[in-house]
Protein backbone atom coordinates (compact mmCIF):
# COMPACT_ATOMS: atom_id res chain seq x y z
CA UNK A 1 1.00 39.11 -5.84
CA UNK A 2 -2.53 37.88 -5.15
CA UNK A 3 -3.42 37.97 -8.86
CA UNK A 4 -0.31 35.96 -9.63
CA UNK A 5 -1.25 33.33 -7.06
CA UNK A 6 -4.78 33.03 -8.43
CA UNK A 7 -3.45 32.71 -11.97
CA UNK A 8 -0.91 30.12 -10.85
CA UNK A 9 -3.58 28.00 -9.14
CA UNK A 10 -5.82 28.27 -12.20
CA UNK A 11 -3.05 27.07 -14.53
CA UNK A 12 -2.22 24.16 -12.24
CA UNK A 13 -5.88 23.14 -12.11
CA UNK A 14 -5.95 22.94 -15.91
CA UNK A 15 -3.42 20.13 -15.79
CA UNK A 16 -4.61 18.37 -12.64
CA UNK A 17 -6.45 15.10 -13.02
CA UNK A 18 -9.73 14.39 -11.26
CA UNK A 19 -9.56 11.60 -8.69
CA UNK A 20 -12.83 9.76 -9.33
CA UNK A 21 -12.82 8.26 -5.83
CA UNK A 22 -12.92 11.63 -4.09
CA UNK A 23 -14.10 14.15 -6.68
CA UNK A 24 -16.80 16.64 -5.79
CA UNK A 25 -19.87 17.17 -7.93
CA UNK A 26 -18.22 20.27 -9.42
CA UNK A 27 -15.04 18.37 -10.28
CA UNK A 28 -17.00 15.58 -11.95
CA UNK A 29 -18.98 18.17 -13.94
CA UNK A 30 -15.70 19.49 -15.32
CA UNK A 31 -15.22 16.24 -17.22
CA UNK A 32 -16.38 16.03 -20.84
CA UNK A 33 -19.77 14.32 -21.10
CA UNK A 34 -20.39 14.15 -17.34
CA UNK A 35 -23.49 16.04 -16.32
CA UNK A 36 -25.50 16.03 -13.12
CA UNK A 37 -27.03 12.56 -13.57
CA UNK A 38 -23.76 10.81 -14.41
CA UNK A 39 -21.91 12.65 -11.64
CA UNK A 40 -24.52 11.43 -9.14
CA UNK A 41 -24.23 7.89 -10.51
CA UNK A 42 -20.44 7.99 -10.06
CA UNK A 43 -20.78 9.25 -6.49
CA UNK A 44 -23.34 6.58 -5.61
CA UNK A 45 -21.36 3.78 -7.24
CA UNK A 46 -18.10 4.62 -5.45
CA UNK A 47 -19.78 4.46 -2.02
CA UNK A 48 -20.07 0.68 -2.39
CA UNK A 49 -17.37 0.03 -4.97
CA UNK A 50 -14.32 2.30 -4.76
CA UNK A 51 -12.59 2.51 -8.11
CA UNK A 52 -9.38 0.46 -8.38
CA UNK A 53 -8.45 1.65 -11.88
CA UNK A 54 -9.81 4.33 -14.19
CA UNK A 55 -11.44 1.74 -16.46
CA UNK A 56 -13.76 0.81 -13.56
CA UNK A 57 -15.74 3.97 -14.27
CA UNK A 58 -17.33 2.09 -17.18
CA UNK A 59 -19.10 -0.08 -14.57
CA UNK A 60 -21.23 2.96 -13.69
CA UNK A 61 -24.58 2.92 -15.45
CA UNK A 62 -24.59 5.43 -18.30
CA UNK A 63 -20.83 5.54 -18.76
CA UNK A 64 -19.60 3.49 -21.66
CA UNK A 65 -16.55 3.28 -23.86
CA UNK A 66 -17.27 6.54 -25.72
CA UNK A 67 -17.55 8.57 -22.51
CA UNK A 68 -14.51 6.83 -21.05
CA UNK A 69 -12.46 7.65 -24.15
CA UNK A 70 -13.37 11.34 -23.72
CA UNK A 71 -12.29 11.52 -20.07
CA UNK A 72 -9.56 8.89 -19.65
CA UNK A 73 -6.76 11.46 -19.85
CA UNK A 74 -8.47 13.69 -17.28
CA UNK A 75 -9.13 11.15 -14.51
CA UNK A 76 -7.10 9.15 -12.03
CA UNK A 77 -7.59 6.78 -9.11
CA UNK A 78 -5.69 7.26 -5.87
């Protein structure tokens, strides 16, 4: 039963989107093209400017259209 629960949670996490307003460093790292430096930049930016829409992530230094296109289907704003 425990193995089933772990597997179930893993499968769900594969389809879950990352909320860029609340994501942890680890969650941000799971996004394509987001390493330590960009994850830190996202976390710093959102302290002063919470994201209103996913496109706002392109306002973060180092995140442009190419990076956005890679992650747009994996992120959300709540």
